[in-house]
Amino acid sequence: MQIEQSRWSDYLAELTRHAEGYDVTVEVLGSDLGDQIEVRRARLAELAFDPREGIAVAVSDPAGHEELLRHVIAAPASVETTDEPGVPGALLVEQDDGTKTLVRLIPTA
C-alpha cells in the first residue's frame, strides 16, 4: 500500500504508537554496495518524518531506555507498506536516487 507524502508524518507517528515493543530490522538495498543490513532485530524507538531531514528510524536498547542508532533516509521519494491489518510487516522507503530501505517490523514474544 502506497502512503501519500502528505500523510507520512501522521502515519509514521501512529505506526510508532501501534508498534511499541516491536523489534525492527533495517536493510539498505542499493545498487552501488549491494544489500547492507544496518540493524538486525533491535527495539523500535521511533519512526518519524521531517521535511528537512527525511525519514528517521530510531532503535533503542532492549529495555527501551537509550537510543542506540538513528538511521536517516535523507531524500525519501515514496513509502510503501505491506497490506495487512494492524501493524504492517514491513515498510519500503525509496529515495530519489533509487536506493531502497526495507524496515521489517517484528512482534516480540
PDB file of N, CA and C in Angstrom:
ATOM      1  N   MET A   1       0.840  -1.168   0.000  1.00  0.00           N
ATOM      2  CA  MET A   1       0.000   0.000   0.000  1.00  0.00           C
ATOM      3  C   MET A   1       0.897   1.247   0.000  1.00  0.00           C
ATOM      4  N   GLN A   2       0.671   2.123  -0.920  1.00  0.00           N
ATOM      5  CA  GLN A   2       1.432   3.370  -1.042  1.00  0.00           C
ATOM      6  C   GLN A   2       0.884   4.386  -0.035  1.00  0.00           C
ATOM      7  N   ILE A   3       1.770   5.074   0.683  1.00  0.00           N
ATOM      8  CA  ILE A   3       1.376   6.127   1.624  1.00  0.00           C
ATOM      9  C   ILE A   3       1.670   7.471   0.958  1.00  0.00           C
ATOM     10  N   GLU A   4       0.670   8.318   0.878  1.00  0.00           N
ATOM     11  CA  GLU A   4       0.850   9.650   0.272  1.00  0.00           C
ATOM     12  C   GLU A   4       1.791  10.495   1.132  1.00  0.00           C
ATOM     13  N   GLN A   5       2.634  11.276   0.485  1.00  0.00           N
ATOM     14  CA  GLN A   5       3.631  12.075   1.207  1.00  0.00           C
ATOM     15  C   GLN A   5       2.990  13.015   2.221  1.00  0.00           C
ATOM     16  N   SER A   6       1.819  13.536   1.926  1.00  0.00           N
ATOM     17  CA  SER A   6       1.151  14.443   2.863  1.00  0.00           C
ATOM     18  C   SER A   6       0.771  13.740   4.172  1.00  0.00           C
ATOM     19  N   ARG A   7       0.762  12.402   4.186  1.00  0.00           N
ATOM     20  CA  ARG A   7       0.395  11.629   5.377  1.00  0.00           C
ATOM     21  C   ARG A   7       1.594  11.019   6.090  1.00  0.00           C
ATOM     22  N   TRP A   8       2.793  11.165   5.558  1.00  0.00           N
ATOM     23  CA  TRP A   8       3.963  10.497   6.138  1.00  0.00           C
ATOM     24  C   TRP A   8       4.139  10.787   7.621  1.00  0.00           C
ATOM     25  N   SER A   9       4.097  12.037   7.999  1.00  0.00           N
ATOM     26  CA  SER A   9       4.357  12.409   9.397  1.00  0.00           C
ATOM     27  C   SER A   9       3.335  11.760  10.328  1.00  0.00           C
ATOM     28  N   ASP A  10       2.050  11.925  10.029  1.00  0.00           N
ATOM     29  CA  ASP A  10       0.999  11.346  10.870  1.00  0.00           C
ATOM     30  C   ASP A  10       1.039   9.825  10.846  1.00  0.00           C
ATOM     31  N   TYR A  11       1.234   9.243   9.664  1.00  0.00           N
ATOM     32  CA  TYR A  11       1.245   7.789   9.541  1.00  0.00           C
ATOM     33  C   TYR A  11       2.375   7.176  10.367  1.00  0.00           C
ATOM     34  N   LEU A  12       3.581   7.738  10.250  1.00  0.00           N
ATOM     35  CA  LEU A  12       4.730   7.181  10.971  1.00  0.00           C
ATOM     36  C   LEU A  12       4.593   7.366  12.481  1.00  0.00           C
ATOM     37  N   ALA A  13       4.028   8.501  12.897  1.00  0.00           N
ATOM     38  CA  ALA A  13       3.798   8.721  14.339  1.00  0.00           C
ATOM     39  C   ALA A  13       2.785   7.703  14.873  1.00  0.00           C
ATOM     40  N   GLU A  14       1.710   7.466  14.133  1.00  0.00           N
ATOM     41  CA  GLU A  14       0.706   6.490  14.553  1.00  0.00           C
ATOM     42  C   GLU A  14       1.281   5.072  14.540  1.00  0.00           C
ATOM     43  N   LEU A  15       2.061   4.758  13.523  1.00  0.00           N
ATOM     44  CA  LEU A  15       2.679   3.439  13.449  1.00  0.00           C
ATOM     45  C   LEU A  15       3.625   3.210  14.628  1.00  0.00           C
ATOM     46  N   THR A  16       4.376   4.233  15.014  1.00  0.00           N
ATOM     47  CA  THR A  16       5.264   4.129  16.177  1.00  0.00           C
ATOM     48  C   THR A  16       4.464   3.760  17.421  1.00  0.00           C
ATOM     49  N   ARG A  17       3.317   4.411  17.611  1.00  0.00           N
ATOM     50  CA  ARG A  17       2.480   4.108  18.787  1.00  0.00           C
ATOM     51  C   ARG A  17       1.981   2.659  18.753  1.00  0.00           C
ATOM     52  N   HIS A  18       1.532   2.207  17.582  1.00  0.00           N
ATOM     53  CA  HIS A  18       0.970   0.852  17.477  1.00  0.00           C
ATOM     54  C   HIS A  18       2.040  -0.234  17.528  1.00  0.00           C
ATOM     55  N   ALA A  19       3.251   0.090  17.123  1.00  0.00           N
ATOM     56  CA  ALA A  19       4.336  -0.902  17.074  1.00  0.00           C
ATOM     57  C   ALA A  19       5.224  -0.837  18.313  1.00  0.00           C
ATOM     58  N   GLU A  20       4.742  -0.212  19.382  1.00  0.00           N
ATOM     59  CA  GLU A  20       5.520  -0.161  20.621  1.00  0.00           C
ATOM     60  C   GLU A  20       5.836  -1.581  21.071  1.00  0.00           C
ATOM     61  N   GLY A  21       7.093  -1.830  21.387  1.00  0.00           N
ATOM     62  CA  GLY A  21       7.522  -3.146  21.815  1.00  0.00           C
ATOM     63  C   GLY A  21       7.964  -4.054  20.676  1.00  0.00           C
ATOM     64  N   TYR A  22       7.828  -3.590  19.433  1.00  0.00           N
ATOM     65  CA  TYR A  22       8.270  -4.381  18.282  1.00  0.00           C
ATOM     66  C   TYR A  22       9.774  -4.250  18.094  1.00  0.00           C
ATOM     67  N   ASP A  23      10.354  -5.249  17.467  1.00  0.00           N
ATOM     68  CA  ASP A  23      11.731  -5.176  17.003  1.00  0.00           C
ATOM     69  C   ASP A  23      11.712  -4.755  15.538  1.00  0.00           C
ATOM     70  N   VAL A  24      12.835  -4.212  15.077  1.00  0.00           N
ATOM     71  CA  VAL A  24      12.962  -3.847  13.670  1.00  0.00           C
ATOM     72  C   VAL A  24      14.277  -4.370  13.113  1.00  0.00           C
ATOM     73  N   THR A  25      14.247  -4.617  11.817  1.00  0.00           N
ATOM     74  CA  THR A  25      15.451  -4.878  11.048  1.00  0.00           C
ATOM     75  C   THR A  25      15.456  -3.850   9.933  1.00  0.00           C
ATOM     76  N   VAL A  26      16.584  -3.180   9.740  1.00  0.00           N
ATOM     77  CA  VAL A  26      16.706  -2.162   8.697  1.00  0.00           C
ATOM     78  C   VAL A  26      17.738  -2.642   7.689  1.00  0.00           C
ATOM     79  N   GLU A  27      17.313  -2.742   6.435  1.00  0.00           N
ATOM     80  CA  GLU A  27      18.185  -3.213   5.367  1.00  0.00           C
ATOM     81  C   GLU A  27      18.188  -2.182   4.238  1.00  0.00           C
ATOM     82  N   VAL A  28      19.376  -1.769   3.817  1.00  0.00           N
ATOM     83  CA  VAL A  28      19.523  -0.811   2.715  1.00  0.00           C
ATOM     84  C   VAL A  28      19.810  -1.610   1.451  1.00  0.00           C
ATOM     85  N   LEU A  29      18.959  -1.413   0.445  1.00  0.00           N
ATOM     86  CA  LEU A  29      19.068  -2.130  -0.818  1.00  0.00           C
ATOM     87  C   LEU A  29      19.568  -1.147  -1.874  1.00  0.00           C
ATOM     88  N   GLY A  30      20.853  -1.177  -2.156  1.00  0.00           N
ATOM     89  CA  GLY A  30      21.432  -0.239  -3.102  1.00  0.00           C
ATOM     90  C   GLY A  30      22.224  -0.930  -4.182  1.00  0.00           C
ATOM     91  N   SER A  31      22.234  -0.348  -5.359  1.00  0.00           N
ATOM     92  CA  SER A  31      22.970  -0.961  -6.468  1.00  0.00           C
ATOM     93  C   SER A  31      24.482  -0.764  -6.327  1.00  0.00           C
ATOM     94  N   ASP A  32      24.909   0.292  -5.650  1.00  0.00           N
ATOM     95  CA  ASP A  32      26.348   0.556  -5.506  1.00  0.00           C
ATOM     96  C   ASP A  32      27.043  -0.452  -4.597  1.00  0.00           C
ATOM     97  N   LEU A  33      26.507  -0.650  -3.407  1.00  0.00           N
ATOM     98  CA  LEU A  33      27.150  -1.518  -2.415  1.00  0.00           C
ATOM     99  C   LEU A  33      26.423  -2.843  -2.213  1.00  0.00           C
ATOM    100  N   GLY A  34      25.329  -3.054  -2.911  1.00  0.00           N
ATOM    101  CA  GLY A  34      24.536  -4.255  -2.676  1.00  0.00           C
ATOM    102  C   GLY A  34      23.665  -4.070  -1.444  1.00  0.00           C
ATOM    103  N   ASP A  35      23.090  -5.160  -0.969  1.00  0.00           N
ATOM    104  CA  ASP A  35      22.216  -5.097   0.200  1.00  0.00           C
ATOM    105  C   ASP A  35      23.063  -5.090   1.475  1.00  0.00           C
ATOM    106  N   GLN A  36      22.760  -4.140   2.360  1.00  0.00           N
ATOM    107  CA  GLN A  36      23.501  -3.984   3.612  1.00  0.00           C
ATOM    108  C   GLN A  36      22.519  -3.951   4.776  1.00  0.00           C
ATOM    109  N   ILE A  37      22.740  -4.796   5.771  1.00  0.00           N
ATOM    110  CA  ILE A  37      21.892  -4.761   6.966  1.00  0.00           C
ATOM    111  C   ILE A  37      22.479  -3.729   7.923  1.00  0.00           C
ATOM    112  N   GLU A  38      21.666  -2.734   8.218  1.00  0.00           N
ATOM    113  CA  GLU A  38      22.070  -1.649   9.119  1.00  0.00           C
ATOM    114  C   GLU A  38      21.779  -2.024  10.572  1.00  0.00           C
ATOM    115  N   VAL A  39      20.626  -2.643  10.806  1.00  0.00           N
ATOM    116  CA  VAL A  39      20.193  -3.022  12.147  1.00  0.00           C
ATOM    117  C   VAL A  39      19.483  -4.366  12.040  1.00  0.00           C
ATOM    118  N   ARG A  40      19.777  -5.251  12.964  1.00  0.00           N
ATOM    119  CA  ARG A  40      19.091  -6.552  12.976  1.00  0.00           C
ATOM    120  C   ARG A  40      18.420  -6.752  14.332  1.00  0.00           C
ATOM    121  N   ARG A  41      17.102  -6.825  14.319  1.00  0.00           N
ATOM    122  CA  ARG A  41      16.276  -7.099  15.499  1.00  0.00           C
ATOM    123  C   ARG A  41      16.628  -6.248  16.716  1.00  0.00           C
ATOM    124  N   ALA A  42      16.476  -4.953  16.549  1.00  0.00           N
ATOM    125  CA  ALA A  42      16.650  -4.018  17.659  1.00  0.00           C
ATOM    126  C   ALA A  42      15.268  -3.447  18.004  1.00  0.00           C
ATOM    127  N   ARG A  43      15.116  -2.949  19.204  1.00  0.00           N
ATOM    128  CA  ARG A  43      13.829  -2.428  19.665  1.00  0.00           C
ATOM    129  C   ARG A  43      13.497  -1.108  18.974  1.00  0.00           C
ATOM    130  N   LEU A  44      12.306  -1.025  18.398  1.00  0.00           N
ATOM    131  CA  LEU A  44      11.863   0.206  17.746  1.00  0.00           C
ATOM    132  C   LEU A  44      11.656   1.295  18.797  1.00  0.00           C
ATOM    133  N   ALA A  45      12.263   2.450  18.573  1.00  0.00           N
ATOM    134  CA  ALA A  45      12.038   3.608  19.430  1.00  0.00           C
ATOM    135  C   ALA A  45      11.118   4.610  18.729  1.00  0.00           C
ATOM    136  N   GLU A  46      11.353   4.832  17.421  1.00  0.00           N
ATOM    137  CA  GLU A  46      10.546   5.835  16.712  1.00  0.00           C
ATOM    138  C   GLU A  46      10.726   5.713  15.207  1.00  0.00           C
ATOM    139  N   LEU A  47       9.632   5.979  14.498  1.00  0.00           N
ATOM    140  CA  LEU A  47       9.632   6.212  13.060  1.00  0.00           C
ATOM    141  C   LEU A  47       9.105   7.634  12.896  1.00  0.00           C
ATOM    142  N   ALA A  48       9.818   8.478  12.158  1.00  0.00           N
ATOM    143  CA  ALA A  48       9.404   9.874  12.052  1.00  0.00           C
ATOM    144  C   ALA A  48       9.774  10.458  10.703  1.00  0.00           C
ATOM    145  N   PHE A  49       9.000  11.453  10.280  1.00  0.00           N
ATOM    146  CA  PHE A  49       9.296  12.188   9.052  1.00  0.00           C
ATOM    147  C   PHE A  49       9.418  13.659   9.372  1.00  0.00           C
ATOM    148  N   ASP A  50      10.491  14.265   8.889  1.00  0.00           N
ATOM    149  CA  ASP A  50      10.713  15.703   8.975  1.00  0.00           C
ATOM    150  C   ASP A  50      11.060  16.150   7.561  1.00  0.00           C
ATOM    151  N   PRO A  51      10.329  17.117   6.990  1.00  0.00           N
ATOM    152  CA  PRO A  51      10.594  17.527   5.608  1.00  0.00           C
ATOM    153  C   PRO A  51      12.037  17.979   5.361  1.00  0.00           C
ATOM    154  N   ARG A  52      12.709  18.503   6.377  1.00  0.00           N
ATOM    155  CA  ARG A  52      14.098  18.964   6.216  1.00  0.00           C
ATOM    156  C   ARG A  52      15.098  17.823   6.321  1.00  0.00           C
ATOM    157  N   GLU A  53      14.825  16.841   7.197  1.00  0.00           N
ATOM    158  CA  GLU A  53      15.751  15.742   7.470  1.00  0.00           C
ATOM    159  C   GLU A  53      15.475  14.501   6.653  1.00  0.00           C
ATOM    160  N   GLY A  54      14.208  14.161   6.500  1.00  0.00           N
ATOM    161  CA  GLY A  54      13.811  12.927   5.841  1.00  0.00           C
ATOM    162  C   GLY A  54      13.099  12.020   6.816  1.00  0.00           C
ATOM    163  N   ILE A  55      13.181  10.722   6.570  1.00  0.00           N
ATOM    164  CA  ILE A  55      12.547   9.732   7.430  1.00  0.00           C
ATOM    165  C   ILE A  55      13.610   9.120   8.329  1.00  0.00           C
ATOM    166  N   ALA A  56      13.314   9.064   9.619  1.00  0.00           N
ATOM    167  CA  ALA A  56      14.258   8.510  10.590  1.00  0.00           C
ATOM    168  C   ALA A  56      13.665   7.260  11.229  1.00  0.00           C
ATOM    169  N   VAL A  57      14.524   6.267  11.392  1.00  0.00           N
ATOM    170  CA  VAL A  57      14.183   5.053  12.126  1.00  0.00           C
ATOM    171  C   VAL A  57      15.125   5.011  13.314  1.00  0.00           C
ATOM    172  N   ALA A  58      14.577   5.148  14.514  1.00  0.00           N
ATOM    173  CA  ALA A  58      15.406   5.128  15.724  1.00  0.00           C
ATOM    174  C   ALA A  58      15.171   3.828  16.465  1.00  0.00           C
ATOM    175  N   VAL A  59      16.269   3.223  16.932  1.00  0.00           N
ATOM    176  CA  VAL A  59      16.184   1.992  17.713  1.00  0.00           C
ATOM    177  C   VAL A  59      16.854   2.210  19.059  1.00  0.00           C
ATOM    178  N   SER A  60      16.376   1.426  20.048  1.00  0.00           N
ATOM    179  CA  SER A  60      16.901   1.592  21.400  1.00  0.00           C
ATOM    180  C   SER A  60      17.377   0.251  21.945  1.00  0.00           C
ATOM    181  N   ASP A  61      17.898   0.305  23.156  1.00  0.00           N
ATOM    182  CA  ASP A  61      18.303  -0.933  23.822  1.00  0.00           C
ATOM    183  C   ASP A  61      17.053  -1.778  24.094  1.00  0.00           C
ATOM    184  N   PRO A  62      17.218  -3.051  24.432  1.00  0.00           N
ATOM    185  CA  PRO A  62      16.057  -3.933  24.627  1.00  0.00           C
ATOM    186  C   PRO A  62      15.054  -3.427  25.657  1.00  0.00           C
ATOM    187  N   ALA A  63      15.502  -2.689  26.636  1.00  0.00           N
ATOM    188  CA  ALA A  63      14.586  -2.161  27.648  1.00  0.00           C
ATOM    189  C   ALA A  63      13.897  -0.883  27.177  1.00  0.00           C
ATOM    190  N   GLY A  64      14.347  -0.310  26.052  1.00  0.00           N
ATOM    191  CA  GLY A  64      13.740   0.903  25.528  1.00  0.00           C
ATOM    192  C   GLY A  64      14.173   2.170  26.229  1.00  0.00           C
ATOM    193  N   HIS A  65      15.295   2.139  26.944  1.00  0.00           N
ATOM    194  CA  HIS A  65      15.730   3.296  27.727  1.00  0.00           C
ATOM    195  C   HIS A  65      16.673   4.226  26.977  1.00  0.00           C
ATOM    196  N   GLU A  66      17.499   3.700  26.113  1.00  0.00           N
ATOM    197  CA  GLU A  66      18.538   4.514  25.482  1.00  0.00           C
ATOM    198  C   GLU A  66      18.544   4.305  23.972  1.00  0.00           C
ATOM    199  N   GLU A  67      18.518   5.422  23.219  1.00  0.00           N
ATOM    200  CA  GLU A  67      18.585   5.319  21.765  1.00  0.00           C
ATOM    201  C   GLU A  67      19.983   4.859  21.363  1.00  0.00           C
ATOM    202  N   LEU A  68      20.033   3.790  20.571  1.00  0.00           N
ATOM    203  CA  LEU A  68      21.315   3.232  20.141  1.00  0.00           C
ATOM    204  C   LEU A  68      21.716   3.681  18.747  1.00  0.00           C
ATOM    205  N   LEU A  69      20.736   3.856  17.870  1.00  0.00           N
ATOM    206  CA  LEU A  69      21.033   4.194  16.490  1.00  0.00           C
ATOM    207  C   LEU A  69      19.865   4.944  15.894  1.00  0.00           C
ATOM    208  N   ARG A  70      20.177   5.892  15.042  1.00  0.00           N
ATOM    209  CA  ARG A  70      19.154   6.636  14.300  1.00  0.00           C
ATOM    210  C   ARG A  70      19.548   6.555  12.830  1.00  0.00           C
ATOM    211  N   HIS A  71      18.805   5.781  12.060  1.00  0.00           N
ATOM    212  CA  HIS A  71      19.057   5.638  10.623  1.00  0.00           C
ATOM    213  C   HIS A  71      18.168   6.649   9.900  1.00  0.00           C
ATOM    214  N   VAL A  72      18.780   7.554   9.123  1.00  0.00           N
ATOM    215  CA  VAL A  72      18.026   8.596   8.429  1.00  0.00           C
ATOM    216  C   VAL A  72      18.059   8.351   6.925  1.00  0.00           C
ATOM    217  N   ILE A  73      16.887   8.399   6.323  1.00  0.00           N
ATOM    218  CA  ILE A  73      16.729   8.296   4.877  1.00  0.00           C
ATOM    219  C   ILE A  73      16.519   9.732   4.408  1.00  0.00           C
ATOM    220  N   ALA A  74      17.582  10.331   3.861  1.00  0.00           N
ATOM    221  CA  ALA A  74      17.624  11.776   3.655  1.00  0.00           C
ATOM    222  C   ALA A  74      16.730  12.307   2.533  1.00  0.00           C
ATOM    223  N   ALA A  75      16.531  11.563   1.487  1.00  0.00           N
ATOM    224  CA  ALA A  75      15.752  12.071   0.353  1.00  0.00           C
ATOM    225  C   ALA A  75      14.666  11.073  -0.047  1.00  0.00           C
ATOM    226  N   PRO A  76      13.683  10.840   0.856  1.00  0.00           N
ATOM    227  CA  PRO A  76      12.662   9.850   0.522  1.00  0.00           C
ATOM    228  C   PRO A  76      11.764  10.339  -0.609  1.00  0.00           C
ATOM    229  N   ALA A  77      11.453   9.428  -1.533  1.00  0.00           N
ATOM    230  CA  ALA A  77      10.568   9.754  -2.647  1.00  0.00           C
ATOM    231  C   ALA A  77       9.230   9.027  -2.522  1.00  0.00           C
ATOM    232  N   SER A  78       9.246   7.821  -1.901  1.00  0.00           N
ATOM    233  CA  SER A  78       7.999   7.078  -1.730  1.00  0.00           C
ATOM    234  C   SER A  78       8.093   6.185  -0.503  1.00  0.00           C
ATOM    235  N   VAL A  79       6.916   5.888   0.060  1.00  0.00           N
ATOM    236  CA  VAL A  79       6.799   4.985   1.201  1.00  0.00           C
ATOM    237  C   VAL A  79       5.678   4.001   0.890  1.00  0.00           C
ATOM    238  N   GLU A  80       5.998   2.717   0.997  1.00  0.00           N
ATOM    239  CA  GLU A  80       5.013   1.659   0.806  1.00  0.00           C
ATOM    240  C   GLU A  80       5.024   0.756   2.028  1.00  0.00           C
ATOM    241  N   THR A  81       3.872   0.160   2.323  1.00  0.00           N
ATOM    242  CA  THR A  81       3.785  -0.801   3.417  1.00  0.00           C
ATOM    243  C   THR A  81       3.173  -2.087   2.897  1.00  0.00           C
ATOM    244  N   THR A  82       3.415  -3.173   3.620  1.00  0.00           N
ATOM    245  CA  THR A  82       2.713  -4.405   3.312  1.00  0.00           C
ATOM    246  C   THR A  82       1.248  -4.194   3.687  1.00  0.00           C
ATOM    247  N   ASP A  83       0.383  -4.932   3.052  1.00  0.00           N
ATOM    248  CA  ASP A  83      -1.052  -4.686   3.174  1.00  0.00           C
ATOM    249  C   ASP A  83      -1.719  -5.747   4.035  1.00  0.00           C
ATOM    250  N   GLU A  84      -1.575  -5.596   5.364  1.00  0.00           N
ATOM    251  CA  GLU A  84      -2.266  -6.484   6.284  1.00  0.00           C
ATOM    252  C   GLU A  84      -2.867  -5.646   7.407  1.00  0.00           C
ATOM    253  N   PRO A  85      -3.870  -6.168   8.103  1.00  0.00           N
ATOM    254  CA  PRO A  85      -4.481  -5.377   9.176  1.00  0.00           C
ATOM    255  C   PRO A  85      -3.503  -5.149  10.332  1.00  0.00           C
ATOM    256  N   GLY A  86      -3.690  -4.047  11.022  1.00  0.00           N
ATOM    257  CA  GLY A  86      -2.825  -3.734  12.160  1.00  0.00           C
ATOM    258  C   GLY A  86      -1.477  -3.216  11.722  1.00  0.00           C
ATOM    259  N   VAL A  87      -0.452  -3.567  12.475  1.00  0.00           N
ATOM    260  CA  VAL A  87       0.910  -3.124  12.174  1.00  0.00           C
ATOM    261  C   VAL A  87       1.415  -3.879  10.944  1.00  0.00           C
ATOM    262  N   PRO A  88       1.878  -3.153   9.910  1.00  0.00           N
ATOM    263  CA  PRO A  88       2.384  -3.847   8.724  1.00  0.00           C
ATOM    264  C   PRO A  88       3.663  -4.615   9.054  1.00  0.00           C
ATOM    265  N   GLY A  89       3.935  -5.655   8.280  1.00  0.00           N
ATOM    266  CA  GLY A  89       5.149  -6.438   8.474  1.00  0.00           C
ATOM    267  C   GLY A  89       6.388  -5.709   8.015  1.00  0.00           C
ATOM    268  N   ALA A  90       6.220  -4.723   7.101  1.00  0.00           N
ATOM    269  CA  ALA A  90       7.392  -4.026   6.567  1.00  0.00           C
ATOM    270  C   ALA A  90       6.997  -2.697   5.927  1.00  0.00           C
ATOM    271  N   LEU A  91       7.982  -1.800   5.913  1.00  0.00           N
ATOM    272  CA  LEU A  91       7.908  -0.538   5.165  1.00  0.00           C
ATOM    273  C   LEU A  91       9.023  -0.564   4.139  1.00  0.00           C
ATOM    274  N   LEU A  92       8.757  -0.039   2.959  1.00  0.00           N
ATOM    275  CA  LEU A  92       9.785   0.111   1.944  1.00  0.00           C
ATOM    276  C   LEU A  92       9.845   1.581   1.572  1.00  0.00           C
ATOM    277  N   VAL A  93      11.003   2.211   1.820  1.00  0.00           N
ATOM    278  CA  VAL A  93      11.189   3.629   1.511  1.00  0.00           C
ATOM    279  C   VAL A  93      12.186   3.725   0.366  1.00  0.00           C
ATOM    280  N   GLU A  94      11.767   4.387  -0.708  1.00  0.00           N
ATOM    281  CA  GLU A  94      12.661   4.582  -1.845  1.00  0.00           C
ATOM    282  C   GLU A  94      13.114   6.034  -1.891  1.00  0.00           C
ATOM    283  N   GLN A  95      14.405   6.218  -2.102  1.00  0.00           N
ATOM    284  CA  GLN A  95      14.985   7.557  -2.203  1.00  0.00           C
ATOM    285  C   GLN A  95      14.973   8.022  -3.651  1.00  0.00           C
ATOM    286  N   ASP A  96      15.237   9.314  -3.839  1.00  0.00           N
ATOM    287  CA  ASP A  96      15.306   9.907  -5.173  1.00  0.00           C
ATOM    288  C   ASP A  96      16.304   9.187  -6.067  1.00  0.00           C
ATOM    289  N   ASP A  97      17.410   8.689  -5.499  1.00  0.00           N
ATOM    290  CA  ASP A  97      18.463   8.052  -6.303  1.00  0.00           C
ATOM    291  C   ASP A  97      18.200   6.567  -6.568  1.00  0.00           C
ATOM    292  N   GLY A  98      17.039   6.049  -6.123  1.00  0.00           N
ATOM    293  CA  GLY A  98      16.691   4.657  -6.359  1.00  0.00           C
ATOM    294  C   GLY A  98      17.075   3.715  -5.232  1.00  0.00           C
ATOM    295  N   THR A  99      17.864   4.184  -4.267  1.00  0.00           N
ATOM    296  CA  THR A  99      18.207   3.349  -3.112  1.00  0.00           C
ATOM    297  C   THR A  99      16.933   3.089  -2.314  1.00  0.00           C
ATOM    298  N   LYS A 100      16.771   1.850  -1.859  1.00  0.00           N
ATOM    299  CA  LYS A 100      15.594   1.482  -1.081  1.00  0.00           C
ATOM    300  C   LYS A 100      16.025   1.053   0.317  1.00  0.00           C
ATOM    301  N   THR A 101      15.197   1.378   1.285  1.00  0.00           N
ATOM    302  CA  THR A 101      15.420   0.933   2.660  1.00  0.00           C
ATOM    303  C   THR A 101      14.210   0.116   3.076  1.00  0.00           C
ATOM    304  N   LEU A 102      14.471  -1.111   3.504  1.00  0.00           N
ATOM    305  CA  LEU A 102      13.412  -2.009   3.953  1.00  0.00           C
ATOM    306  C   LEU A 102      13.462  -2.051   5.473  1.00  0.00           C
ATOM    307  N   VAL A 103      12.345  -1.714   6.094  1.00  0.00           N
ATOM    308  CA  VAL A 103      12.212  -1.731   7.555  1.00  0.00           C
ATOM    309  C   VAL A 103      11.209  -2.826   7.891  1.00  0.00           C
ATOM    310  N   ARG A 104      11.702  -3.911   8.484  1.00  0.00           N
ATOM    311  CA  ARG A 104      10.816  -5.010   8.886  1.00  0.00           C
ATOM    312  C   ARG A 104      10.396  -4.797  10.345  1.00  0.00           C
ATOM    313  N   LEU A 105       9.112  -4.942  10.613  1.00  0.00           N
ATOM    314  CA  LEU A 105       8.564  -4.786  11.961  1.00  0.00           C
ATOM    315  C   LEU A 105       8.207  -6.174  12.479  1.00  0.00           C
ATOM    316  N   ILE A 106       8.813  -6.559  13.603  1.00  0.00           N
ATOM    317  CA  ILE A 106       8.718  -7.922  14.115  1.00  0.00           C
ATOM    318  C   ILE A 106       8.149  -7.880  15.534  1.00  0.00           C
ATOM    319  N   PRO A 107       6.956  -8.485  15.748  1.00  0.00           N
ATOM    320  CA  PRO A 107       6.433  -8.504  17.117  1.00  0.00           C
ATOM    321  C   PRO A 107       7.342  -9.337  18.016  1.00  0.00           C
ATOM    322  N   THR A 108       7.517  -8.887  19.242  1.00  0.00           N
ATOM    323  CA  THR A 108       8.344  -9.631  20.190  1.00  0.00           C
ATOM    324  C   THR A 108       7.447 -10.561  20.994  1.00  0.00           C
ATOM    325  N   ALA A 109       8.027 -11.627  21.440  1.00  0.00           N
ATOM    326  CA  ALA A 109       7.244 -12.639  22.184  1.00  0.00           C
ATOM    327  C   ALA A 109       7.027 -12.223  23.607  1.00  0.00           C
TER     328      ALA A 109
END
